[in-house]
C-alpha atoms as a PDB file:
ATOM      1  CA  MET A   1      11.583  28.126 -11.517  1.00  0.00           C
ATOM      2  CA  LYS A   2      11.392  24.359 -11.038  1.00  0.00           C
ATOM      3  CA  PHE A   3       7.696  24.620 -10.118  1.00  0.00           C
ATOM      4  CA  LEU A   4       7.043  26.784 -13.191  1.00  0.00           C
ATOM      5  CA  LYS A   5       8.763  24.275 -15.481  1.00  0.00           C
ATOM      6  CA  GLN A   6       6.643  21.458 -14.056  1.00  0.00           C
ATOM      7  CA  LYS A   7       3.474  23.475 -14.637  1.00  0.00           C
ATOM      8  CA  VAL A   8       4.460  24.302 -18.216  1.00  0.00           C
ATOM      9  CA  ARG A   9       5.216  20.623 -18.906  1.00  0.00           C
ATOM     10  CA  LYS A  10       1.865  19.483 -17.537  1.00  0.00           C
ATOM     11  CA  ILE A  11      -0.047  22.144 -19.479  1.00  0.00           C
ATOM     12  CA  GLY A  12       1.802  21.255 -22.665  1.00  0.00           C
ATOM     13  CA  ALA A  13       1.049  17.582 -22.181  1.00  0.00           C
ATOM     14  CA  LYS A  14      -2.659  18.247 -21.716  1.00  0.00           C
ATOM     15  CA  ILE A  15      -2.868  20.500 -24.769  1.00  0.00           C
ATOM     16  CA  ILE A  16      -1.079  18.100 -27.093  1.00  0.00           C
ATOM     17  CA  THR A  17      -2.747  14.938 -25.896  1.00  0.00           C
ATOM     18  CA  SER A  18      -6.273  16.366 -25.778  1.00  0.00           C
ATOM     19  CA  ILE A  19      -6.263  18.274 -29.074  1.00  0.00           C
ATOM     20  CA  PHE A  20      -4.024  16.346 -31.443  1.00  0.00           C
ATOM     21  CA  LEU A  21      -4.020  12.774 -30.128  1.00  0.00           C
ATOM     22  CA  PHE A  22      -7.472  12.319 -28.619  1.00  0.00           C
ATOM     23  CA  PRO A  23      -8.485   9.412 -30.939  1.00  0.00           C
ATOM     24  CA  PHE A  24      -5.306   7.462 -30.078  1.00  0.00           C
ATOM     25  CA  PRO A  25      -5.261   6.686 -26.328  1.00  0.00           C
ATOM     26  CA  LYS A  26      -2.106   4.517 -26.374  1.00  0.00           C
ATOM     27  CA  LEU A  27      -0.145   7.107 -28.336  1.00  0.00           C
ATOM     28  CA  ARG A  28      -1.539   9.834 -26.093  1.00  0.00           C
ATOM     29  CA  ARG A  29      -0.210   7.990 -23.052  1.00  0.00           C
ATOM     30  CA  ASP A  30       3.259   7.614 -24.569  1.00  0.00           C
ATOM     31  CA  VAL A  31       3.503  11.276 -25.605  1.00  0.00           C
ATOM     32  CA  LYS A  32       2.345  12.392 -22.177  1.00  0.00           C
ATOM     33  CA  ARG A  33       5.009  10.208 -20.574  1.00  0.00           C
ATOM     34  CA  ALA A  34       7.651  11.744 -22.827  1.00  0.00           C
ATOM     35  CA  LEU A  35       6.586  15.299 -22.010  1.00  0.00           C
ATOM     36  CA  GLN A  36       6.581  14.575 -18.292  1.00  0.00           C
ATOM     37  CA  SER A  37       9.982  12.880 -18.330  1.00  0.00           C
ATOM     38  CA  GLY A  38      11.871  16.117 -17.816  1.00  0.00           C
ATOM     39  CA  GLY A  39      12.844  16.584 -21.442  1.00  0.00           C
ATOM     40  CA  LEU A  40      14.893  13.392 -21.412  1.00  0.00           C
ATOM     41  CA  ILE A  41      14.119  12.556 -25.035  1.00  0.00           C
ATOM     42  CA  LEU A  42      15.309  15.947 -26.337  1.00  0.00           C
ATOM     43  CA  ASP A  43      18.367  15.833 -24.108  1.00  0.00           C
ATOM     44  CA  THR A  44      19.170  12.317 -25.340  1.00  0.00           C
ATOM     45  CA  ILE A  45      18.830  13.181 -29.023  1.00  0.00           C
ATOM     46  CA  TRP A  46      20.906  16.350 -28.698  1.00  0.00           C
ATOM     47  CA  ARG A  47      23.606  14.879 -26.469  1.00  0.00           C
ATOM     48  CA  TYR A  48      24.313  11.926 -28.779  1.00  0.00           C
ATOM     49  CA  ARG A  49      23.695  13.627 -32.114  1.00  0.00           C
ATOM     50  CA  HIS A  50      27.310  12.855 -33.059  1.00  0.00           C
ATOM     51  CA  GLY A  51      27.249   9.311 -31.683  1.00  0.00           C
ATOM     52  CA  GLU A  52      27.813   7.587 -28.357  1.00  0.00           C
ATOM     53  CA  PRO A  53      31.052   7.422 -26.355  1.00  0.00           C
ATOM     54  CA  LYS A  54      33.448   4.677 -27.406  1.00  0.00           C
ATOM     55  CA  ASN A  55      34.927   3.900 -24.004  1.00  0.00           C
ATOM     56  CA  PHE A  56      33.152   3.377 -20.693  1.00  0.00           C
ATOM     57  CA  LYS A  57      34.294   3.209 -17.112  1.00  0.00           C
ATOM     58  CA  TYR A  58      32.146   0.112 -16.583  1.00  0.00           C
ATOM     59  CA  TYR A  59      30.674  -2.450 -18.929  1.00  0.00           C
ATOM     60  CA  LEU A  60      27.828  -3.563 -16.613  1.00  0.00           C
ATOM     61  CA  SER A  61      26.302  -1.680 -13.677  1.00  0.00           C
ATOM     62  CA  LEU A  62      23.126  -1.969 -11.632  1.00  0.00           C
ATOM     63  CA  LEU A  63      20.796   0.767 -10.421  1.00  0.00           C
ATOM     64  CA  VAL A  64      18.651   0.261  -7.312  1.00  0.00           C
ATOM     65  CA  CYS A  65      16.541   2.442  -5.013  1.00  0.00           C
ATOM     66  CA  VAL A  66      16.555   1.428  -1.342  1.00  0.00           C
ATOM     67  CA  ARG A  67      15.009   2.390   1.962  1.00  0.00           C
ATOM     68  CA  ASN A  68      16.035   0.628   5.180  1.00  0.00           C
ATOM     69  CA  GLU A  69      17.686  -2.317   3.410  1.00  0.00           C
ATOM     70  CA  GLY A  70      20.687  -2.571   5.741  1.00  0.00           C
ATOM     71  CA  LYS A  71      19.964  -6.241   6.491  1.00  0.00           C
ATOM     72  CA  ASN A  72      19.858  -7.268   2.830  1.00  0.00           C
ATOM     73  CA  ILE A  73      21.901  -4.897   0.687  1.00  0.00           C
ATOM     74  CA  ALA A  74      25.335  -6.496   1.304  1.00  0.00           C
ATOM     75  CA  GLU A  75      24.083  -9.926   0.205  1.00  0.00           C
ATOM     76  CA  TRP A  76      22.511  -8.372  -2.911  1.00  0.00           C
ATOM     77  CA  ILE A  77      25.779  -6.625  -3.818  1.00  0.00           C
ATOM     78  CA  GLU A  78      27.976  -9.662  -3.173  1.00  0.00           C
ATOM     79  CA  TYR A  79      25.673 -11.888  -5.212  1.00  0.00           C
ATOM     80  CA  HIS A  80      25.773  -9.609  -8.227  1.00  0.00           C
ATOM     81  CA  LEU A  81      29.529  -9.180  -7.939  1.00  0.00           C
ATOM     82  CA  LEU A  82      29.612 -12.932  -8.537  1.00  0.00           C
ATOM     83  CA  GLN A  83      27.585 -12.252 -11.689  1.00  0.00           C
ATOM     84  CA  GLY A  84      30.299  -9.891 -12.927  1.00  0.00           C
ATOM     85  CA  VAL A  85      28.552  -6.599 -12.140  1.00  0.00           C
ATOM     86  CA  GLU A  86      31.248  -3.928 -11.899  1.00  0.00           C
ATOM     87  CA  HIS A  87      29.452  -1.027 -10.236  1.00  0.00           C
ATOM     88  CA  PHE A  88      26.277  -0.187  -8.316  1.00  0.00           C
ATOM     89  CA  TYR A  89      24.351   3.096  -8.330  1.00  0.00           C
ATOM     90  CA  ILE A  90      22.347   3.086  -5.114  1.00  0.00           C
ATOM     91  CA  TYR A  91      19.720   5.753  -4.460  1.00  0.00           C
ATOM     92  CA  ASP A  92      18.987   5.957  -0.733  1.00  0.00           C
ATOM     93  CA  ASN A  93      15.410   7.121  -0.196  1.00  0.00           C
ATOM     94  CA  ASP A  94      15.428   8.331   3.429  1.00  0.00           C
ATOM     95  CA  SER A  95      16.870   5.214   5.081  1.00  0.00           C
ATOM     96  CA  GLU A  96      16.730   5.300   8.876  1.00  0.00           C
ATOM     97  CA  ASP A  97      18.635   2.082   9.600  1.00  0.00           C
ATOM     98  CA  ASP A  98      22.310   1.184   9.128  1.00  0.00           C
ATOM     99  CA  THR A  99      22.164   1.085   5.318  1.00  0.00           C
ATOM    100  CA  GLN A 100      24.904   3.690   4.935  1.00  0.00           C
ATOM    101  CA  GLN A 101      27.239   1.943   7.390  1.00  0.00           C
ATOM    102  CA  VAL A 102      26.799  -1.305   5.455  1.00  0.00           C
ATOM    103  CA  LEU A 103      27.497   0.453   2.145  1.00  0.00           C
ATOM    104  CA  LEU A 104      30.553   2.368   3.344  1.00  0.00           C
ATOM    105  CA  PRO A 105      33.143  -0.395   2.656  1.00  0.00           C
ATOM    106  CA  TYR A 106      31.787  -0.784  -0.884  1.00  0.00           C
ATOM    107  CA  VAL A 107      31.914   2.967  -1.432  1.00  0.00           C
ATOM    108  CA  GLU A 108      35.531   3.043  -0.230  1.00  0.00           C
ATOM    109  CA  ARG A 109      36.395   0.227  -2.658  1.00  0.00           C
ATOM    110  CA  GLY A 110      34.875   2.194  -5.534  1.00  0.00           C
ATOM    111  CA  LEU A 111      32.137  -0.378  -6.149  1.00  0.00           C
ATOM    112  CA  VAL A 112      29.181   1.759  -5.078  1.00  0.00           C
ATOM    113  CA  SER A 113      28.023   5.293  -5.805  1.00  0.00           C
ATOM    114  CA  VAL A 114      25.385   6.546  -3.351  1.00  0.00           C
ATOM    115  CA  VAL A 115      22.880   9.290  -4.124  1.00  0.00           C
ATOM    116  CA  PHE A 116      20.433  10.528  -1.475  1.00  0.00           C
ATOM    117  CA  CYS A 117      16.837  11.255  -2.405  1.00  0.00           C
ATOM    118  CA  HIS A 118      14.139  12.650  -0.108  1.00  0.00           C
ATOM    119  CA  GLY A 119      10.380  12.120  -0.326  1.00  0.00           C
ATOM    120  CA  ARG A 120       7.876   9.427  -1.259  1.00  0.00           C
ATOM    121  CA  GLY A 121       6.812   8.296  -4.693  1.00  0.00           C
ATOM    122  CA  LYS A 122      10.164   9.218  -6.275  1.00  0.00           C
ATOM    123  CA  GLN A 123      11.240   5.907  -7.802  1.00  0.00           C
ATOM    124  CA  ILE A 124      10.805   6.898 -11.451  1.00  0.00           C
ATOM    125  CA  ALA A 125      12.334  10.315 -10.728  1.00  0.00           C
ATOM    126  CA  MET A 126      15.353   8.543  -9.193  1.00  0.00           C
ATOM    127  CA  TYR A 127      15.698   6.325 -12.260  1.00  0.00           C
ATOM    128  CA  ARG A 128      15.510   9.348 -14.534  1.00  0.00           C
ATOM    129  CA  ASP A 129      18.132  11.203 -12.507  1.00  0.00           C
ATOM    130  CA  ALA A 130      20.517   8.225 -12.552  1.00  0.00           C
ATOM    131  CA  ILE A 131      20.140   7.720 -16.292  1.00  0.00           C
ATOM    132  CA  LYS A 132      20.966  11.360 -17.016  1.00  0.00           C
ATOM    133  CA  LYS A 133      23.770  11.530 -14.460  1.00  0.00           C
ATOM    134  CA  PHE A 134      25.610   8.260 -15.072  1.00  0.00           C
ATOM    135  CA  ARG A 135      24.747   7.169 -18.617  1.00  0.00           C
ATOM    136  CA  ASP A 136      28.182   7.948 -20.019  1.00  0.00           C
ATOM    137  CA  GLU A 137      29.908   5.834 -17.343  1.00  0.00           C
ATOM    138  CA  THR A 138      28.463   2.410 -18.126  1.00  0.00           C
ATOM    139  CA  ARG A 139      27.778   0.469 -21.324  1.00  0.00           C
ATOM    140  CA  TRP A 140      24.867  -1.473 -19.804  1.00  0.00           C
ATOM    141  CA  LEU A 141      22.653  -0.470 -16.880  1.00  0.00           C
ATOM    142  CA  GLY A 142      20.383  -2.985 -15.170  1.00  0.00           C
ATOM    143  CA  ILE A 143      17.487  -1.523 -13.175  1.00  0.00           C
ATOM    144  CA  ILE A 144      16.154  -3.826 -10.471  1.00  0.00           C
ATOM    145  CA  ASP A 145      15.159  -3.852  -6.783  1.00  0.00           C
ATOM    146  CA  CYS A 146      16.988  -5.149  -3.725  1.00  0.00           C
ATOM    147  CA  ASP A 147      14.727  -8.228  -3.569  1.00  0.00           C
ATOM    148  CA  GLU A 148      15.544  -9.223  -7.162  1.00  0.00           C
ATOM    149  CA  PHE A 149      18.480 -11.426  -8.184  1.00  0.00           C
ATOM    150  CA  PHE A 150      19.549 -12.243 -11.739  1.00  0.00           C
ATOM    151  CA  LEU A 151      19.994 -15.992 -12.187  1.00  0.00           C
ATOM    152  CA  LEU A 152      21.542 -17.632 -15.257  1.00  0.00           C
ATOM    153  CA  LYS A 153      21.568 -21.272 -16.285  1.00  0.00           C
ATOM    154  CA  ASP A 154      24.716 -23.365 -16.813  1.00  0.00           C
ATOM    155  CA  ASN A 155      26.857 -21.286 -14.403  1.00  0.00           C
ATOM    156  CA  LYS A 156      27.075 -18.383 -16.839  1.00  0.00           C
ATOM    157  CA  LYS A 157      27.779 -14.865 -15.608  1.00  0.00           C
ATOM    158  CA  LEU A 158      25.531 -11.958 -16.435  1.00  0.00           C
ATOM    159  CA  ILE A 159      28.417  -9.829 -17.706  1.00  0.00           C
ATOM    160  CA  ASP A 160      29.345 -12.504 -20.260  1.00  0.00           C
ATOM    161  CA  TYR A 161      25.750 -13.259 -21.206  1.00  0.00           C
ATOM    162  CA  ILE A 162      24.851  -9.669 -22.088  1.00  0.00           C
ATOM    163  CA  HIS A 163      27.574  -9.487 -24.747  1.00  0.00           C
ATOM    164  CA  ASP A 164      25.245 -11.387 -27.090  1.00  0.00           C
ATOM    165  CA  TYR A 165      22.699  -8.532 -27.073  1.00  0.00           C
ATOM    166  CA  GLU A 166      24.870  -5.638 -28.228  1.00  0.00           C
ATOM    167  CA  GLN A 167      22.565  -4.875 -31.169  1.00  0.00           C
ATOM    168  CA  PHE A 168      19.609  -4.103 -28.894  1.00  0.00           C
ATOM    169  CA  SER A 169      18.830  -1.014 -26.808  1.00  0.00           C
ATOM    170  CA  GLN A 170      17.061  -2.932 -24.047  1.00  0.00           C
ATOM    171  CA  PHE A 171      17.048  -6.524 -22.827  1.00  0.00           C
ATOM    172  CA  LEU A 172      14.038  -7.610 -20.757  1.00  0.00           C
ATOM    173  CA  VAL A 173      14.284 -10.373 -18.145  1.00  0.00           C
ATOM    174  CA  HIS A 174      11.233 -12.058 -16.615  1.00  0.00           C
ATOM    175  CA  TRP A 175      10.476 -12.625 -12.947  1.00  0.00           C
ATOM    176  CA  VAL A 176      10.039 -15.915 -11.139  1.00  0.00           C
ATOM    177  CA  LEU A 177       8.116 -15.164  -7.930  1.00  0.00           C
ATOM    178  CA  TYR A 178       9.450 -16.676  -4.695  1.00  0.00           C
ATOM    179  CA  GLY A 179       7.144 -17.216  -1.731  1.00  0.00           C
ATOM    180  CA  SER A 180       7.624 -17.332   2.016  1.00  0.00           C
ATOM    181  CA  SER A 181       8.591 -21.045   2.139  1.00  0.00           C
ATOM    182  CA  GLY A 182       6.140 -21.159   5.049  1.00  0.00           C
ATOM    183  CA  ARG A 183       8.255 -18.823   7.195  1.00  0.00           C
ATOM    184  CA  LYS A 184       6.489 -16.519   9.651  1.00  0.00           C
ATOM    185  CA  GLU A 185       9.623 -15.024  11.224  1.00  0.00           C
ATOM    186  CA  ARG A 186      12.734 -13.723   9.511  1.00  0.00           C
ATOM    187  CA  GLY A 187      15.142 -16.170  11.117  1.00  0.00           C
ATOM    188  CA  GLU A 188      18.848 -16.465  10.326  1.00  0.00           C
ATOM    189  CA  GLY A 189      20.606 -16.844   7.008  1.00  0.00           C
ATOM    190  CA  LEU A 190      20.814 -15.244   3.598  1.00  0.00           C
ATOM    191  CA  VAL A 191      17.758 -14.483   1.509  1.00  0.00           C
ATOM    192  CA  ILE A 192      18.802 -17.001  -1.137  1.00  0.00           C
ATOM    193  CA  GLU A 193      19.164 -19.669   1.580  1.00  0.00           C
ATOM    194  CA  ARG A 194      15.923 -19.032   3.441  1.00  0.00           C
ATOM    195  CA  PHE A 195      13.587 -18.956   0.454  1.00  0.00           C
ATOM    196  CA  ARG A 196      13.865 -21.821  -2.016  1.00  0.00           C
ATOM    197  CA  LYS A 197      10.240 -22.242  -3.105  1.00  0.00           C
ATOM    198  CA  HIS A 198       8.720 -20.374  -6.020  1.00  0.00           C
ATOM    199  CA  ALA A 199       5.840 -20.220  -8.488  1.00  0.00           C
ATOM    200  CA  ASP A 200       5.448 -22.948 -11.075  1.00  0.00           C
ATOM    201  CA  ARG A 201       5.279 -20.457 -13.927  1.00  0.00           C
ATOM    202  CA  VAL A 202       7.224 -17.475 -15.188  1.00  0.00           C
ATOM    203  CA  SER A 203       5.716 -14.044 -14.516  1.00  0.00           C
ATOM    204  CA  SER A 204       4.869 -11.710 -17.376  1.00  0.00           C
ATOM    205  CA  HIS A 205       6.535  -8.872 -15.444  1.00  0.00           C
ATOM    206  CA  THR A 206      10.062  -7.911 -16.440  1.00  0.00           C
ATOM    207  CA  LYS A 207      12.988  -5.776 -15.428  1.00  0.00           C
ATOM    208  CA  ALA A 208      15.441  -4.215 -17.857  1.00  0.00           C
ATOM    209  CA  ILE A 209      19.108  -4.202 -18.714  1.00  0.00           C
ATOM    210  CA  LEU A 210      19.538  -1.323 -21.119  1.00  0.00           C
ATOM    211  CA  ASN A 211      21.698   1.143 -22.948  1.00  0.00           C
ATOM    212  CA  PRO A 212      21.072   4.264 -20.825  1.00  0.00           C
ATOM    213  CA  ARG A 213      21.948   6.549 -23.740  1.00  0.00           C
ATOM    214  CA  LYS A 214      18.929   5.259 -25.641  1.00  0.00           C
ATOM    215  CA  VAL A 215      16.329   5.939 -22.936  1.00  0.00           C
ATOM    216  CA  TRP A 216      13.719   8.639 -23.581  1.00  0.00           C
ATOM    217  CA  ALA A 217      11.346   7.835 -20.708  1.00  0.00           C
ATOM    218  CA  ALA A 218      11.941   5.826 -17.529  1.00  0.00           C
ATOM    219  CA  ASP A 219       9.493   3.381 -15.987  1.00  0.00           C
ATOM    220  CA  ILE A 220       9.456   0.614 -13.375  1.00  0.00           C
ATOM    221  CA  HIS A 221       9.418  -2.649 -15.330  1.00  0.00           C
ATOM    222  CA  TYR A 222      11.033  -1.360 -18.530  1.00  0.00           C
ATOM    223  CA  CYS A 223      12.052   1.921 -20.100  1.00  0.00           C
ATOM    224  CA  TYR A 224      11.047   3.540 -23.373  1.00  0.00           C
ATOM    225  CA  VAL A 225      14.071   3.493 -25.644  1.00  0.00           C
ATOM    226  CA  ILE A 226      15.259   4.592 -29.044  1.00  0.00           C
ATOM    227  CA  GLY A 227      15.851   1.327 -30.865  1.00  0.00           C
ATOM    228  CA  LYS A 228      14.744  -2.242 -30.248  1.00  0.00           C
ATOM    229  CA  SER A 229      13.921  -4.124 -27.059  1.00  0.00           C
ATOM    230  CA  CYS A 230      14.065  -7.900 -26.862  1.00  0.00           C
ATOM    231  CA  ASN A 231      13.741 -10.959 -24.662  1.00  0.00           C
ATOM    232  CA  GLU A 232      16.280 -13.755 -24.166  1.00  0.00           C
ATOM    233  CA  ALA A 233      15.287 -15.338 -27.484  1.00  0.00           C
ATOM    234  CA  LYS A 234      16.309 -12.083 -29.208  1.00  0.00           C
ATOM    235  CA  LYS A 235      12.749 -11.563 -30.346  1.00  0.00           C
ATOM    236  CA  SER A 236      12.552  -7.861 -31.075  1.00  0.00           C
ATOM    237  CA  VAL A 237       9.729  -5.889 -29.462  1.00  0.00           C
ATOM    238  CA  HIS A 238       9.108  -2.687 -31.399  1.00  0.00           C
ATOM    239  CA  ARG A 239       6.303  -1.342 -29.212  1.00  0.00           C
ATOM    240  CA  ILE A 240       7.155  -1.828 -25.575  1.00  0.00           C
ATOM    241  CA  ARG A 241       3.561  -1.388 -24.452  1.00  0.00           C
ATOM    242  CA  ASP A 242       2.700  -4.632 -26.269  1.00  0.00           C
ATOM    243  CA  TYR A 243       5.398  -6.670 -24.518  1.00  0.00           C
ATOM    244  CA  SER A 244       2.980  -8.005 -21.905  1.00  0.00           C
ATOM    245  CA  LYS A 245       1.259  -9.915 -24.711  1.00  0.00           C
ATOM    246  CA  GLU A 246       4.386 -11.978 -25.293  1.00  0.00           C
ATOM    247  CA  THR A 247       4.654 -15.452 -23.750  1.00  0.00           C
ATOM    248  CA  PRO A 248       7.078 -15.150 -20.789  1.00  0.00           C
ATOM    249  CA  VAL A 249      10.308 -17.024 -21.386  1.00  0.00           C
ATOM    250  CA  ALA A 250      13.087 -17.826 -18.891  1.00  0.00           C
ATOM    251  CA  ASN A 251      15.042 -20.694 -20.369  1.00  0.00           C
ATOM    252  CA  SER A 252      18.499 -19.200 -19.909  1.00  0.00           C
ATOM    253  CA  ILE A 253      18.032 -16.203 -17.595  1.00  0.00           C
ATOM    254  CA  ARG A 254      15.489 -15.046 -15.050  1.00  0.00           C
ATOM    255  CA  ILE A 255      15.093 -12.773 -12.041  1.00  0.00           C
ATOM    256  CA  ASN A 256      14.464 -14.486  -8.718  1.00  0.00           C
ATOM    257  CA  HIS A 257      12.012 -12.068  -7.148  1.00  0.00           C
ATOM    258  CA  TYR A 258      11.833 -12.582  -3.387  1.00  0.00           C
ATOM    259  CA  CYS A 259       8.756 -10.412  -3.271  1.00  0.00           C
ATOM    260  CA  CYS A 260       7.208 -11.262   0.102  1.00  0.00           C
ATOM    261  CA  LYS A 261       9.828 -13.226   2.092  1.00  0.00           C
ATOM    262  CA  SER A 262       8.630 -14.101   5.609  1.00  0.00           C
ATOM    263  CA  TRP A 263       5.468 -12.623   7.116  1.00  0.00           C
ATOM    264  CA  GLU A 264       7.630 -10.605   9.541  1.00  0.00           C
ATOM    265  CA  GLU A 265       9.611  -9.082   6.670  1.00  0.00           C
ATOM    266  CA  PHE A 266       6.452  -8.418   4.698  1.00  0.00           C
ATOM    267  CA  LEU A 267       5.075  -6.376   7.590  1.00  0.00           C
ATOM    268  CA  GLY A 268       8.311  -4.372   7.579  1.00  0.00           C
ATOM    269  CA  LYS A 269       7.873  -3.749   3.861  1.00  0.00           C
ATOM    270  CA  ARG A 270       4.392  -2.402   4.558  1.00  0.00           C
ATOM    271  CA  LEU A 271       5.789   0.120   7.042  1.00  0.00           C
ATOM    272  CA  ARG A 272       8.521   1.297   4.645  1.00  0.00           C
ATOM    273  CA  SER A 273       5.903   2.650   2.199  1.00  0.00           C
ATOM    274  CA  ASP A 274       5.956   2.252  -1.573  1.00  0.00           C
ATOM    275  CA  ALA A 275       8.671   4.027  -3.561  1.00  0.00           C
ATOM    276  CA  THR A 276       6.304   4.532  -6.502  1.00  0.00           C
ATOM    277  CA  ILE A 277       3.359   5.992  -4.535  1.00  0.00           C
ATOM    278  CA  PRO A 278       3.567   9.214  -2.450  1.00  0.00           C
ATOM    279  CA  ASN A 279       1.966   7.768   0.695  1.00  0.00           C
ATOM    280  CA  ASP A 280       3.324   7.282   4.196  1.00  0.00           C
ATOM    281  CA  LEU A 281       2.120   3.671   4.233  1.00  0.00           C
ATOM    282  CA  ASN A 282       2.411   1.005   1.563  1.00  0.00           C
ATOM    283  CA  GLU A 283      -1.307   0.463   0.989  1.00  0.00           C
ATOM    284  CA  ARG A 284      -0.650  -2.323  -1.523  1.00  0.00           C
ATOM    285  CA  CYS A 285       0.883  -4.547   1.164  1.00  0.00           C
ATOM    286  CA  THR A 286      -2.358  -6.042   2.456  1.00  0.00           C
ATOM    287  CA  ASP A 287      -2.895  -9.578   3.746  1.00  0.00           C
ATOM    288  CA  ASP A 288      -4.518 -10.508   0.437  1.00  0.00           C
ATOM    289  CA  PHE A 289      -1.542  -9.046  -1.435  1.00  0.00           C
ATOM    290  CA  PHE A 290       0.792 -11.296   0.560  1.00  0.00           C
ATOM    291  CA  ARG A 291      -1.313 -14.382  -0.151  1.00  0.00           C
ATOM    292  CA  GLY A 292      -1.333 -13.512  -3.841  1.00  0.00           C
ATOM    293  CA  LEU A 293       2.472 -13.410  -3.917  1.00  0.00           C
ATOM    294  CA  ASP A 294       3.137 -16.387  -1.636  1.00  0.00           C
ATOM    295  CA  HIS A 295       3.899 -18.982  -4.314  1.00  0.00           C
ATOM    296  CA  ASN A 296       5.633 -22.135  -3.097  1.00  0.00           C
ATOM    297  CA  GLU A 297       4.808 -24.730  -5.742  1.00  0.00           C
ATOM    298  CA  VAL A 298       8.382 -25.557  -6.833  1.00  0.00           C
ATOM    299  CA  THR A 299      11.409 -26.168  -4.589  1.00  0.00           C
ATOM    300  CA  ASP A 300      14.873 -25.308  -5.894  1.00  0.00           C
ATOM    301  CA  PRO A 301      17.528 -28.038  -5.668  1.00  0.00           C
ATOM    302  CA  PRO A 302      20.381 -27.162  -3.258  1.00  0.00           C
ATOM    303  CA  GLU A 303      22.907 -26.959  -6.087  1.00  0.00           C
ATOM    304  CA  LEU A 304      21.068 -24.014  -7.665  1.00  0.00           C
ATOM    305  CA  MET A 305      21.801 -21.317  -5.069  1.00  0.00           C
ATOM    306  CA  ASP A 306      24.072 -22.961  -2.470  1.00  0.00           C
ATOM    307  CA  PRO A 307      27.314 -22.313  -4.411  1.00  0.00           C
ATOM    308  CA  TYR A 308      26.490 -18.602  -4.443  1.00  0.00           C
ATOM    309  CA  ALA A 309      25.512 -18.652  -0.769  1.00  0.00           C
ATOM    310  CA  GLU A 310      28.826 -20.217   0.271  1.00  0.00           C
ATOM    311  CA  LYS A 311      30.827 -17.546  -1.551  1.00  0.00           C
ATOM    312  CA  ILE A 312      28.673 -14.743  -0.166  1.00  0.00           C
ATOM    313  CA  ARG A 313      29.098 -16.047   3.389  1.00  0.00           C
ATOM    314  CA  THR A 314      32.858 -16.082   2.924  1.00  0.00           C
ATOM    315  CA  ALA A 315      32.861 -12.531   1.509  1.00  0.00           C
ATOM    316  CA  LEU A 316      30.745 -11.248   4.414  1.00  0.00           C
ATOM    317  CA  GLY A 317      32.752 -13.074   7.089  1.00  0.00           C
ATOM    318  CA  MET A 318      29.823 -15.314   8.038  1.00  0.00           C
ATOM    319  CA  PRO A 319      30.376 -18.854   9.353  1.00  0.00           C
ATOM    320  CA  PRO A 320      29.677 -21.752   6.969  1.00  0.00           C
ATOM    321  CA  ARG A 321      26.074 -22.860   6.909  1.00  0.00           C
ATOM    322  CA  GLY A 322      25.522 -25.766   9.286  1.00  0.00           C
END
């Protein structure tokens, strides 16, 4: 039955896009995405035809897909707890390390919900499943990766900051790419301690904090939503596909994207495969790909991340940094 539904959806998408929307390639792409999203748009419209819930279990939650992130996931959770995040939806995509043992204390405390997902190239499917399954639990849902950390200026917390964007369906935050800081081996210490050098410009790529009840199609860097999307300046973006034309802005909030880390960790990322592509090997993680990401033009001052690092070390029972 599931296979038949997938076939029907694909056939329907081809018929509609080829016959009725052929002269409009951008619109054709969007309609095809909607048809292939598992009926999420129809489900969304029908489910909330009488309005959204008034009360939520959480105000701010994060969604992440992981595979073999046992060495990093606790730091990522503790950091975002400091940002006021109340809950984490973690989709485990065939981890073979100690990820589940690391997550167990957080699950027992009610901070983490774990969902297991098998197979490669399932990242968007995992996002779609989480949005449908948990959208009535949380007012805001941020969708990022385990190597991405929200950072706000002036010691603000993310949970307080997002209150100013209640009128929008989706808030888009830009990356700042962090390089290897010249490290070949992993070494000791937290991610936010080991890598302090980053690109001298803001990336055009974004990740989203959104109202999950407004989503009609999931994607990696943003979702397609009913209503308006915006950046930190509250500039409304009506057509999400045109957002890349906007000048990246990160004056008050950004995402520190530790995209390559050390060369040793990058090689491990290559072996883990890519969550968006159904291959056994992450073919994008070439030597040239690493060099393209290894930006080290600007060095963060110690006071930027050290206060977070000290609190995370205390929470994880690590000795103070020497």
